[in-house]
Amino acid sequence: MDKYQNPIIKGFNPDPSICRVGDDFYLVTSTFEFFPGVPIYHSRNLVEWELINYCLTEDSQLNLENCGCSKGIFAPTIRYHDGTFFMITTNVSHGGNFVVHTKDIRGKWSEPHWIDHVGIDPSLLFDDDGKVYYCGTALDERGKQGIALFEINPFTGEKLSRTEIISYGAGGKHPEAPHLYKVNGYYYLMIAEGGTEYGHMETIFRSRSPWGPYEPCPHNPILSHKDFMGSPIQATGHADLVEDAAGNWWLVCLAIRPLPTTLLHNLGRETFLAPVRWDEDGWPVVGDHGRIALDMEAELPAALTGQPVKVDFTDDFDHDVLDLEWNFVRNPRRENYSLTAKKGYLRLSAGAETLNDYHPTFVGIRQKEFELEACTKLLVEHMAEGQQAGISAYYNMHYHYDLYVTQEAGQHYVVLAKKVHDIYHIAEKRPIDFSGEIELQIETGRDDYLFKYRLDGEWITLGTGKTAGLCTEGTMMMTFTGVYLGLFASRGEAYFDYFTVKQLT
């Protein structure tokens, strides 16, 4: 038996979907208002994952213009059939449901093919008779949410049959995230219910026909921590199943790691793994009878390399393109970002937009652990009046903590500013003798974020910000993302020499 640790993909990586091609596994997750859309991870052992690409890399594929916080791209599904990969998802802000495809998982995907169906969380089943089924959420004539099914052409998005509601779930609220599988002559319909918060759960049903009727599993829910509040893992659900080459089954799901002694989380919904066995009656049993743990044992499909899940990150900006880890907020203004203007630096050139706006000049990576140290060196050759440039702990446009340098009336200042709900205020502001270079640091923690700067010599603490201010449960609208650590500029041009993230514990 192999020992492994959850989560298998840390930081904001919700709604995982997985497929296998030979000995290779590919997994995608939701991205909401962040760009590029739908990261693709690769693994051979299901535990150690490498980010290899994104499905949606062009503005023509992904329109996030002025989309709301936690809108944009909802839950994707990835499937492979007869030499082609398919990814189906919903842009809830622009256009609805669509499918893209490629033969090269590391290359460019097709333009979107739009689907005439209202709902979210679409999935595909390629049946052995050549038919392809779409299943996703829908409202019936009474306005009740259920799971809809119809035949589809996955290359064009064209509907090929009537639409039917095939399930309303097992009684939990918000039946969603359906996946349909064919196993041993049965069609298994797996659904997330209970909402994606602390009542989250996964249920499953089966039928001899894709159209139903579906009988429920007698031990539903097959996955849930809703009655396991002592666990450091909560909100388990939104799962997908995959079979490895040896015939063993696995489940990937989202879950959260709450801050200690709270019901708050700031890292986002992450991706977890559990082994699955089938009981004598043909029903799946997930993990420890529906529960999972941070440390688990199972016979993995390939040997572990012994390398820990990647948390540390370094970018010296010595390459012609940004590392795949970097994300933008909505569609970036590409002219605002340059790696060639000054060799070994990232140049940010910004107008009046700030982190409070829909399209800030900002680039960030996911915060993957509670206790990290993020550092950068900032170079500003000619700072303009009112210019800002620095480092941020960014949840969304309404929730972020920013450490930056600015100039006012000829005096330079290092500033800690906070945006929480509808209040943006300067928490700390200190005059500095700025000669053009400064190092900035954010130390993340379970209780506080700590903000420091260094002109020369020792690090100087400027101030702190409560971690609770960047948590999903405290936002003024329903949100589904997690904290990013990154670089920003406003009203001028700034150069960043490096960006590093190191795990502290």
Protein backbone atom coordinates (compact mmCIF):
# COMPACT_ATOMS: atom_id res chain seq x y z
CA MET A 1 0.00 0.00 0.00
CA ASP A 2 1.14 3.53 -0.77
CA LYS A 3 0.78 6.45 1.60
CA TYR A 4 -0.27 9.79 0.18
CA GLN A 5 -1.45 13.16 1.43
CA ASN A 6 -4.51 15.24 0.65
CA PRO A 7 -5.16 17.64 -0.91
CA ILE A 8 -3.49 16.39 -4.07
CA ILE A 9 -3.80 19.85 -5.73
CA LYS A 10 -3.54 22.67 -3.22
CA GLY A 11 -5.01 26.13 -3.28
CA PHE A 12 -8.00 27.33 -5.30
CA ASN A 13 -8.73 24.29 -7.53
CA PRO A 14 -12.42 23.40 -7.19
CA ASP A 15 -14.82 21.16 -9.12
CA PRO A 16 -12.23 18.64 -10.32
CA SER A 17 -12.91 16.42 -13.30
CA ILE A 18 -10.61 13.66 -14.45
CA CYS A 19 -9.99 11.30 -17.36
CA ARG A 20 -7.40 8.63 -18.18
CA VAL A 21 -5.53 7.95 -21.42
CA GLY A 22 -3.44 4.80 -21.07
CA ASP A 23 -1.26 5.34 -18.00
CA ASP A 24 -1.78 9.11 -18.00
CA PHE A 25 -4.38 11.00 -15.99
CA TYR A 26 -5.59 14.51 -16.82
CA LEU A 27 -7.54 16.72 -14.45
CA VAL A 28 -9.23 20.12 -14.84
CA THR A 29 -10.74 22.56 -12.34
CA SER A 30 -12.90 25.70 -12.30
CA THR A 31 -11.48 29.21 -12.71
CA PHE A 32 -14.44 31.66 -12.44
CA GLU A 33 -13.21 35.24 -13.16
CA PHE A 34 -9.53 34.29 -13.53
CA PHE A 35 -7.65 33.98 -16.83
CA PRO A 36 -6.55 31.79 -18.56
CA GLY A 37 -9.42 29.42 -17.96
CA VAL A 38 -9.55 25.77 -16.86
CA PRO A 39 -6.06 24.54 -15.90
CA ILE A 40 -5.00 21.09 -17.07
CA TYR A 41 -2.97 18.94 -14.67
CA HIS A 42 -1.17 15.71 -15.54
CA SER A 43 -0.18 12.76 -13.35
CA ARG A 44 0.66 9.08 -13.59
CA ASN A 45 0.18 8.20 -9.93
CA LEU A 46 -2.87 10.41 -9.11
CA VAL A 47 -1.01 12.18 -6.30
CA GLU A 48 1.80 14.19 -7.91
CA TRP A 49 0.34 16.59 -10.46
CA GLU A 50 1.98 18.95 -12.94
CA LEU A 51 0.23 21.97 -14.45
CA ILE A 52 0.76 21.52 -18.21
CA ASN A 53 -1.70 23.83 -19.98
CA TYR A 54 -5.06 25.63 -19.94
CA CYS A 55 -8.09 24.85 -22.07
CA LEU A 56 -9.07 28.49 -22.59
CA THR A 57 -6.16 30.77 -23.44
CA GLU A 58 -7.62 33.23 -25.96
CA ASP A 59 -10.11 36.04 -25.51
CA SER A 60 -12.19 34.45 -28.29
CA GLN A 61 -12.51 31.31 -26.15
CA LEU A 62 -13.07 33.05 -22.84
CA ASN A 63 -14.90 36.35 -22.49
CA LEU A 64 -14.66 37.58 -18.90
CA GLU A 65 -15.18 41.24 -19.66
CA ASN A 66 -16.61 42.88 -16.53
CA CYS A 67 -17.90 39.54 -15.25
CA GLY A 68 -18.91 39.47 -11.60
CA CYS A 69 -16.81 38.02 -8.81
CA SER A 70 -17.06 34.21 -8.83
CA LYS A 71 -18.95 34.30 -12.12
CA GLY A 72 -17.31 33.37 -15.42
CA ILE A 73 -16.24 29.73 -15.77
CA PHE A 74 -18.09 27.19 -13.64
CA ALA A 75 -17.44 23.47 -13.25
CA PRO A 76 -15.72 21.86 -16.28
CA THR A 77 -15.71 18.21 -17.31
CA ILE A 78 -12.85 16.60 -19.25
CA ARG A 79 -13.32 13.44 -21.28
CA TYR A 80 -11.27 11.53 -23.86
CA HIS A 81 -12.70 9.52 -26.73
CA ASP A 82 -11.17 8.03 -29.86
CA GLY A 83 -8.09 10.25 -29.96
CA THR A 84 -9.77 13.52 -28.95
CA PHE A 85 -10.03 15.37 -25.66
CA PHE A 86 -13.25 17.24 -24.88
CA MET A 87 -13.81 19.88 -22.20
CA ILE A 88 -17.33 21.07 -21.53
CA THR A 89 -18.21 23.90 -19.15
CA THR A 90 -20.33 27.01 -18.58
CA ASN A 91 -19.44 30.67 -18.88
CA VAL A 92 -22.24 31.99 -16.70
CA SER A 93 -21.34 35.59 -17.59
CA HIS A 94 -21.11 35.35 -21.38
CA GLY A 95 -22.77 32.71 -23.57
CA GLY A 96 -23.65 29.81 -21.28
CA ASN A 97 -22.70 26.20 -21.99
CA PHE A 98 -20.05 25.26 -24.55
CA VAL A 99 -17.64 22.50 -25.49
CA VAL A 100 -14.08 22.66 -26.86
CA HIS A 101 -11.84 19.88 -28.13
CA THR A 102 -8.26 19.06 -29.09
CA LYS A 103 -6.11 16.12 -30.13
CA ASP A 104 -3.08 17.67 -28.41
CA ILE A 105 -3.65 18.09 -24.66
CA ARG A 106 -0.63 20.42 -24.47
CA GLY A 107 -1.64 22.47 -27.50
CA LYS A 108 -4.37 24.95 -28.38
CA TRP A 109 -7.99 23.96 -27.96
CA SER A 110 -10.78 24.67 -30.45
CA GLU A 111 -13.00 27.69 -30.39
CA PRO A 112 -16.15 27.22 -28.25
CA HIS A 113 -19.10 25.34 -29.68
CA TRP A 114 -22.17 26.69 -27.92
CA ILE A 115 -24.99 24.49 -26.64
CA ASP A 116 -28.64 25.50 -26.61
CA HIS A 117 -29.34 24.58 -23.02
CA VAL A 118 -29.77 26.66 -19.88
CA GLY A 119 -28.09 25.26 -16.78
CA ILE A 120 -24.64 24.63 -15.31
CA ASP A 121 -22.20 21.80 -14.57
CA PRO A 122 -22.35 20.00 -17.93
CA SER A 123 -20.81 16.57 -18.42
CA LEU A 124 -20.44 14.08 -21.28
CA LEU A 125 -20.81 10.31 -21.55
CA PHE A 126 -19.51 8.53 -24.67
CA ASP A 127 -21.62 5.37 -24.77
CA ASP A 128 -20.42 2.15 -26.34
CA ASP A 129 -23.15 2.32 -29.04
CA GLY A 130 -21.70 5.56 -30.43
CA LYS A 131 -24.18 7.91 -28.78
CA VAL A 132 -22.93 10.83 -26.71
CA TYR A 133 -24.99 12.15 -23.82
CA TYR A 134 -24.97 15.57 -22.19
CA CYS A 135 -26.09 15.81 -18.59
CA GLY A 136 -26.26 18.97 -16.51
CA THR A 137 -28.62 20.98 -14.36
CA ALA A 138 -31.97 22.29 -15.55
CA LEU A 139 -35.24 23.65 -14.20
CA ASP A 140 -38.46 21.77 -14.83
CA GLU A 141 -41.76 23.41 -15.72
CA ARG A 142 -42.39 24.12 -12.01
CA GLY A 143 -39.03 25.81 -11.60
CA LYS A 144 -37.55 22.92 -9.61
CA GLN A 145 -33.90 22.10 -10.24
CA GLY A 146 -33.02 18.66 -11.51
CA ILE A 147 -30.59 16.86 -13.77
CA ALA A 148 -31.27 16.97 -17.51
CA LEU A 149 -30.13 14.58 -20.23
CA PHE A 150 -30.01 14.77 -24.03
CA GLU A 151 -27.92 13.44 -26.89
CA ILE A 152 -25.31 15.80 -28.32
CA ASN A 153 -22.73 16.14 -31.07
CA PRO A 154 -19.64 16.94 -28.98
CA PHE A 155 -17.78 18.50 -31.94
CA THR A 156 -20.49 21.05 -32.70
CA GLY A 157 -22.62 21.32 -29.55
CA GLU A 158 -25.76 20.43 -31.53
CA LYS A 159 -28.55 18.79 -29.57
CA LEU A 160 -29.64 15.49 -31.13
CA SER A 161 -32.62 14.52 -28.95
CA ARG A 162 -35.26 15.75 -26.60
CA THR A 163 -34.27 17.04 -23.16
CA GLU A 164 -35.52 15.08 -20.16
CA ILE A 165 -35.18 15.55 -16.41
CA ILE A 166 -33.78 12.21 -15.23
CA SER A 167 -33.25 12.90 -11.52
CA TYR A 168 -33.95 15.33 -8.69
CA GLY A 169 -31.30 13.80 -6.47
CA ALA A 170 -31.80 12.25 -3.06
CA GLY A 171 -33.50 15.20 -1.43
CA GLY A 172 -30.56 17.51 -0.78
CA LYS A 173 -30.69 21.11 -1.97
CA HIS A 174 -29.07 22.11 -5.26
CA PRO A 175 -28.69 18.78 -7.08
CA GLU A 176 -25.86 19.60 -9.49
CA ALA A 177 -22.47 18.52 -10.88
CA PRO A 178 -23.81 15.33 -12.49
CA HIS A 179 -21.55 12.76 -14.10
CA LEU A 180 -22.86 9.73 -15.96
CA TYR A 181 -20.81 6.51 -16.21
CA LYS A 182 -21.47 3.10 -17.71
CA VAL A 183 -20.14 0.26 -15.54
CA ASN A 184 -21.01 -3.42 -15.92
CA GLY A 185 -24.16 -2.73 -17.89
CA TYR A 186 -25.48 -0.06 -15.52
CA TYR A 187 -25.62 3.67 -16.03
CA TYR A 188 -24.47 5.32 -12.82
CA LEU A 189 -25.50 8.93 -12.22
CA MET A 190 -23.41 10.69 -9.58
CA ILE A 191 -24.63 14.04 -8.24
CA ALA A 192 -23.43 16.69 -5.80
CA GLU A 193 -26.12 17.84 -3.36
CA GLY A 194 -26.50 20.01 -0.29
CA GLY A 195 -24.72 23.08 -1.65
CA THR A 196 -20.96 23.50 -1.87
CA GLU A 197 -20.65 24.57 1.78
CA TYR A 198 -20.67 22.51 4.99
CA GLY A 199 -23.69 20.41 3.94
CA HIS A 200 -22.00 19.24 0.74
CA MET A 201 -22.36 15.60 -0.23
CA GLU A 202 -22.14 13.18 -3.15
CA THR A 203 -24.95 10.79 -4.06
CA ILE A 204 -25.24 8.11 -6.72
CA PHE A 205 -28.02 6.31 -8.63
CA ARG A 206 -28.18 3.67 -11.34
CA SER A 207 -30.37 2.46 -14.15
CA ARG A 208 -30.29 0.06 -17.08
CA SER A 209 -31.09 3.00 -19.38
CA PRO A 210 -29.47 6.44 -19.50
CA TRP A 211 -32.98 7.89 -19.43
CA GLY A 212 -33.86 6.12 -16.17
CA PRO A 213 -35.65 5.39 -13.98
CA TYR A 214 -32.76 5.65 -11.50
CA GLU A 215 -32.64 3.78 -8.21
CA PRO A 216 -30.69 5.41 -5.38
CA CYS A 217 -27.71 3.81 -3.68
CA PRO A 218 -28.87 2.43 -0.31
CA HIS A 219 -25.91 4.04 1.48
CA ASN A 220 -26.24 7.54 0.00
CA PRO A 221 -24.49 9.86 0.44
CA ILE A 222 -21.41 8.00 -0.74
CA LEU A 223 -19.21 10.96 0.27
CA SER A 224 -19.87 13.65 2.87
CA HIS A 225 -18.32 15.27 5.93
CA LYS A 226 -21.51 17.12 6.87
CA ASP A 227 -21.74 15.03 10.05
CA PHE A 228 -17.98 14.88 10.60
CA MET A 229 -17.32 18.37 11.93
CA GLY A 230 -14.22 17.28 13.82
CA SER A 231 -12.38 16.62 10.58
CA PRO A 232 -9.80 19.10 9.22
CA ILE A 233 -11.46 18.47 5.84
CA GLN A 234 -14.93 19.87 5.21
CA ALA A 235 -17.46 20.49 2.40
CA THR A 236 -16.54 17.33 0.47
CA GLY A 237 -18.38 16.86 -2.80
CA HIS A 238 -18.52 17.73 -6.49
CA ALA A 239 -16.70 14.53 -7.45
CA ASP A 240 -15.67 12.58 -10.52
CA LEU A 241 -14.75 8.90 -10.89
CA VAL A 242 -11.96 7.29 -12.89
CA GLU A 243 -10.71 3.72 -13.38
CA ASP A 244 -6.97 3.07 -13.61
CA ALA A 245 -5.30 0.61 -15.96
CA ALA A 246 -5.26 -2.08 -13.26
CA GLY A 247 -9.03 -1.90 -12.79
CA ASN A 248 -8.95 0.06 -9.55
CA TRP A 249 -11.34 2.97 -9.12
CA TRP A 250 -10.71 6.43 -7.72
CA LEU A 251 -12.65 9.55 -6.89
CA VAL A 252 -11.48 13.15 -7.04
CA CYS A 253 -13.53 15.76 -5.23
CA LEU A 254 -13.40 19.26 -3.88
CA ALA A 255 -13.13 20.03 -0.20
CA ILE A 256 -11.89 22.82 2.04
CA ARG A 257 -9.39 23.05 4.87
CA PRO A 258 -10.94 25.47 7.38
CA LEU A 259 -8.83 27.72 9.54
CA PRO A 260 -8.40 26.27 13.06
CA THR A 261 -11.31 26.80 15.46
CA THR A 262 -13.37 28.55 12.77
CA LEU A 263 -15.77 27.78 9.96
CA LEU A 264 -13.76 30.01 7.63
CA HIS A 265 -11.44 29.15 4.75
CA ASN A 266 -9.14 31.33 2.66
CA LEU A 267 -7.25 28.86 0.46
CA GLY A 268 -10.27 28.12 -1.70
CA ARG A 269 -11.83 24.77 -2.45
CA GLU A 270 -9.05 22.28 -3.22
CA THR A 271 -8.78 18.91 -4.98
CA PHE A 272 -8.73 15.69 -2.92
CA LEU A 273 -8.37 12.01 -3.81
CA ALA A 274 -9.99 8.85 -2.39
CA PRO A 275 -9.82 5.18 -3.40
CA VAL A 276 -13.12 3.55 -4.36
CA ARG A 277 -14.19 -0.08 -4.05
CA TRP A 278 -17.40 -1.65 -5.32
CA ASP A 279 -19.48 -3.66 -2.86
CA GLU A 280 -21.14 -6.99 -3.60
CA ASP A 281 -24.31 -5.21 -4.73
CA GLY A 282 -22.46 -3.09 -7.27
CA TRP A 283 -22.36 0.23 -5.40
CA PRO A 284 -19.23 2.35 -4.91
CA VAL A 285 -17.75 2.79 -1.43
CA VAL A 286 -15.59 5.90 -1.18
CA GLY A 287 -12.62 6.05 1.19
CA ASP A 288 -13.59 5.15 4.75
CA HIS A 289 -17.31 4.65 4.08
CA GLY A 290 -17.75 8.14 2.69
CA ARG A 291 -15.02 9.91 4.63
CA ILE A 292 -11.56 10.97 3.56
CA ALA A 293 -8.45 12.10 5.44
CA LEU A 294 -5.35 14.24 5.04
CA ASP A 295 -3.23 11.07 5.21
CA MET A 296 -4.48 8.05 3.31
CA GLU A 297 -3.30 4.67 2.04
CA ALA A 298 -4.08 2.97 -1.25
CA GLU A 299 -2.42 1.06 -4.07
CA LEU A 300 -1.57 3.89 -6.46
CA PRO A 301 -1.40 3.25 -10.22
CA ALA A 302 2.27 4.29 -10.36
CA ALA A 303 5.08 4.78 -7.88
CA LEU A 304 5.50 8.06 -6.03
CA THR A 305 8.64 10.02 -6.79
CA GLY A 306 8.91 11.20 -3.19
CA GLN A 307 8.62 14.84 -4.19
CA PRO A 308 6.13 16.79 -2.04
CA VAL A 309 3.15 18.55 -3.60
CA LYS A 310 4.59 21.75 -5.06
CA VAL A 311 4.06 24.80 -2.87
CA ASP A 312 7.29 26.79 -3.24
CA PHE A 313 7.54 28.94 -6.36
CA THR A 314 10.24 31.10 -7.94
CA ASP A 315 10.12 33.27 -11.04
CA ASP A 316 13.16 35.40 -11.95
CA PHE A 317 11.42 36.66 -15.10
CA ASP A 318 14.32 35.46 -17.25
CA HIS A 319 12.08 33.77 -19.84
CA ASP A 320 10.05 35.13 -22.74
CA VAL A 321 6.72 33.96 -21.32
CA LEU A 322 5.26 33.88 -17.84
CA ASP A 323 5.23 30.65 -15.87
CA LEU A 324 2.00 28.69 -16.23
CA GLU A 325 1.21 29.28 -12.54
CA TRP A 326 0.48 32.97 -13.16
CA ASN A 327 -3.13 34.08 -13.58
CA PHE A 328 -4.79 37.38 -14.43
CA VAL A 329 -8.07 38.83 -13.16
CA ARG A 330 -10.47 38.59 -16.09
CA ASN A 331 -9.14 39.21 -19.62
CA PRO A 332 -5.76 40.91 -19.30
CA ARG A 333 -4.77 44.03 -21.20
CA ARG A 334 -1.76 42.28 -22.66
CA GLU A 335 0.10 45.46 -23.48
CA ASN A 336 0.30 46.13 -19.72
CA TYR A 337 2.64 43.16 -19.20
CA SER A 338 6.11 42.69 -20.67
CA LEU A 339 9.07 40.38 -20.08
CA THR A 340 11.16 41.92 -22.86
CA ALA A 341 11.17 45.62 -21.99
CA LYS A 342 13.98 45.04 -19.48
CA LYS A 343 15.82 41.72 -19.45
CA GLY A 344 15.23 39.76 -16.26
CA TYR A 345 12.27 41.88 -15.13
CA LEU A 346 8.52 41.82 -15.42
CA ARG A 347 7.25 45.24 -16.43
CA LEU A 348 3.76 46.28 -15.45
CA SER A 349 2.44 49.38 -17.26
CA ALA A 350 -0.87 50.52 -15.84
CA GLY A 351 -3.41 53.24 -16.30
CA ALA A 352 -5.73 54.47 -13.58
CA GLU A 353 -7.15 50.99 -12.91
CA THR A 354 -6.65 49.62 -9.40
CA LEU A 355 -7.26 46.35 -7.62
CA ASN A 356 -10.73 47.66 -6.80
CA ASP A 357 -11.62 47.56 -10.51
CA TYR A 358 -12.75 44.79 -12.85
CA HIS A 359 -9.55 44.66 -14.90
CA PRO A 360 -6.59 45.53 -12.67
CA THR A 361 -3.00 45.30 -13.83
CA PHE A 362 -2.29 42.31 -11.61
CA VAL A 363 -0.72 38.90 -12.00
CA GLY A 364 -0.81 36.30 -9.22
CA ILE A 365 -0.45 32.67 -8.21
CA ARG A 366 -2.68 30.67 -5.90
CA GLN A 367 -1.94 30.64 -2.16
CA LYS A 368 -1.46 26.92 -1.54
CA GLU A 369 -0.78 26.73 2.18
CA PHE A 370 -1.69 28.62 5.33
CA GLU A 371 1.83 29.77 6.22
CA LEU A 372 3.92 31.11 3.37
CA GLU A 373 6.38 33.88 2.66
CA ALA A 374 5.94 35.77 -0.63
CA CYS A 375 8.69 38.22 -1.66
CA THR A 376 9.48 40.52 -4.56
CA LYS A 377 11.95 43.23 -5.48
CA LEU A 378 10.40 46.31 -7.05
CA LEU A 379 12.25 48.76 -9.29
CA VAL A 380 10.66 52.07 -10.26
CA GLU A 381 12.97 54.25 -12.34
CA HIS A 382 10.77 57.35 -12.49
CA MET A 383 7.84 57.19 -10.10
CA ALA A 384 4.93 59.38 -11.13
CA GLU A 385 2.73 61.34 -8.75
CA GLY A 386 0.08 59.00 -7.34
CA GLN A 387 1.62 55.89 -8.90
CA GLN A 388 1.29 52.61 -7.00
CA ALA A 389 3.29 49.40 -7.41
CA GLY A 390 3.62 46.45 -5.10
CA ILE A 391 2.46 43.08 -3.87
CA SER A 392 -1.02 41.93 -2.87
CA ALA A 393 -2.93 39.18 -1.09
CA TYR A 394 -5.93 39.22 -3.41
CA TYR A 395 -9.23 37.36 -3.00
CA ASN A 396 -11.29 39.49 -5.35
CA MET A 397 -11.92 43.15 -6.16
CA HIS A 398 -13.78 43.63 -2.87
CA TYR A 399 -11.29 41.79 -0.61
CA HIS A 400 -7.54 42.35 -0.83
CA TYR A 401 -4.58 43.53 1.24
CA ASP A 402 -1.96 45.56 -0.65
CA LEU A 403 1.62 46.54 0.18
CA TYR A 404 2.95 49.15 -2.23
CA VAL A 405 5.16 52.16 -2.85
CA THR A 406 3.71 55.48 -3.94
CA GLN A 407 4.74 59.12 -4.36
CA GLU A 408 2.83 62.15 -3.15
CA ALA A 409 4.12 65.73 -3.52
CA GLY A 410 7.65 64.51 -4.08
CA GLN A 411 7.70 62.22 -1.02
CA HIS A 412 7.81 58.45 -1.34
CA TYR A 413 5.78 56.26 1.00
CA VAL A 414 5.39 52.55 1.66
CA VAL A 415 1.71 51.83 2.24
CA LEU A 416 -0.48 49.02 3.55
CA ALA A 417 -4.02 49.35 2.20
CA LYS A 418 -7.03 47.11 2.79
CA LYS A 419 -10.25 46.58 0.88
CA VAL A 420 -12.92 44.71 2.86
CA HIS A 421 -16.55 44.82 1.70
CA ASP A 422 -17.16 48.38 0.48
CA ILE A 423 -14.45 50.02 2.59
CA TYR A 424 -11.02 50.80 1.18
CA HIS A 425 -8.65 52.39 3.66
CA ILE A 426 -4.97 53.08 4.26
CA ALA A 427 -4.01 51.01 7.31
CA GLU A 428 -0.37 52.12 7.49
CA LYS A 429 1.62 54.77 5.62
CA ARG A 430 5.30 55.46 6.23
CA PRO A 431 7.65 57.92 4.47
CA ILE A 432 10.77 56.30 3.06
CA ASP A 433 14.00 57.41 1.45
CA PHE A 434 13.39 55.60 -1.83
CA SER A 435 16.24 55.38 -4.32
CA GLY A 436 14.35 53.28 -6.86
CA GLU A 437 14.50 49.75 -5.40
CA ILE A 438 12.65 48.11 -2.52
CA GLU A 439 11.86 44.57 -1.43
CA LEU A 440 8.32 43.75 -0.32
CA GLN A 441 7.12 40.72 1.58
CA ILE A 442 3.83 39.13 2.65
CA GLU A 443 3.92 36.48 5.35
CA THR A 444 0.65 34.58 5.36
CA GLY A 445 -0.74 32.98 8.50
CA ARG A 446 -3.76 31.26 9.98
CA ASP A 447 -4.67 34.35 12.00
CA ASP A 448 -2.94 37.26 10.27
CA TYR A 449 -1.14 38.36 7.13
CA LEU A 450 2.09 40.19 7.98
CA PHE A 451 3.46 42.90 5.65
CA LYS A 452 7.15 43.87 5.56
CA TYR A 453 9.56 45.92 3.46
CA ARG A 454 13.32 46.24 3.12
CA LEU A 455 15.33 49.07 1.59
CA ASP A 456 18.61 47.68 2.90
CA GLY A 457 19.51 45.70 5.97
CA GLU A 458 16.73 44.14 8.03
CA TRP A 459 13.09 43.58 7.16
CA ILE A 460 10.76 46.18 8.69
CA THR A 461 7.18 45.26 9.62
CA LEU A 462 4.63 47.78 8.36
CA GLY A 463 1.42 46.14 9.60
CA THR A 464 -0.94 43.18 9.63
CA GLY A 465 -4.31 42.15 8.27
CA LYS A 466 -6.68 39.53 9.66
CA THR A 467 -6.89 36.33 7.63
CA ALA A 468 -10.64 36.34 8.22
CA GLY A 469 -10.89 39.39 5.96
CA LEU A 470 -9.90 37.22 2.97
CA CYS A 471 -12.14 34.24 3.69
CA THR A 472 -14.94 32.98 1.47
CA GLU A 473 -17.56 32.85 4.23
CA GLY A 474 -17.14 36.56 5.01
CA THR A 475 -17.76 37.92 1.54
CA MET A 476 -20.79 40.06 0.85
CA MET A 477 -21.85 37.91 -2.10
CA MET A 478 -21.64 34.15 -2.67
CA THR A 479 -18.07 33.42 -3.78
CA PHE A 480 -16.16 30.28 -4.73
CA THR A 481 -12.51 31.27 -5.12
CA GLY A 482 -9.39 31.56 -2.93
CA VAL A 483 -6.52 33.92 -2.18
CA TYR A 484 -3.91 34.79 -4.80
CA LEU A 485 -0.48 36.26 -4.01
CA GLY A 486 0.77 38.55 -6.73
CA LEU A 487 2.08 41.79 -8.20
CA PHE A 488 0.23 44.90 -9.28
CA ALA A 489 0.65 48.43 -10.57
CA SER A 490 -1.52 51.50 -11.06
CA ARG A 491 -0.96 54.86 -12.76
CA GLY A 492 2.52 54.16 -14.04
CA GLU A 493 5.27 51.73 -14.96
CA ALA A 494 7.09 49.39 -12.58
CA TYR A 495 9.61 46.56 -12.89
CA PHE A 496 9.72 43.44 -10.74
CA ASP A 497 13.04 41.58 -10.46
CA TYR A 498 11.72 38.34 -8.99
CA PHE A 499 8.80 36.77 -7.16
CA THR A 500 9.22 33.89 -4.70
CA VAL A 501 6.89 31.92 -2.45
CA LYS A 502 8.26 29.63 0.26
CA GLN A 503 6.40 27.44 2.71
CA LEU A 504 7.18 28.35 6.34
CA THR A 505 5.97 25.18 8.07
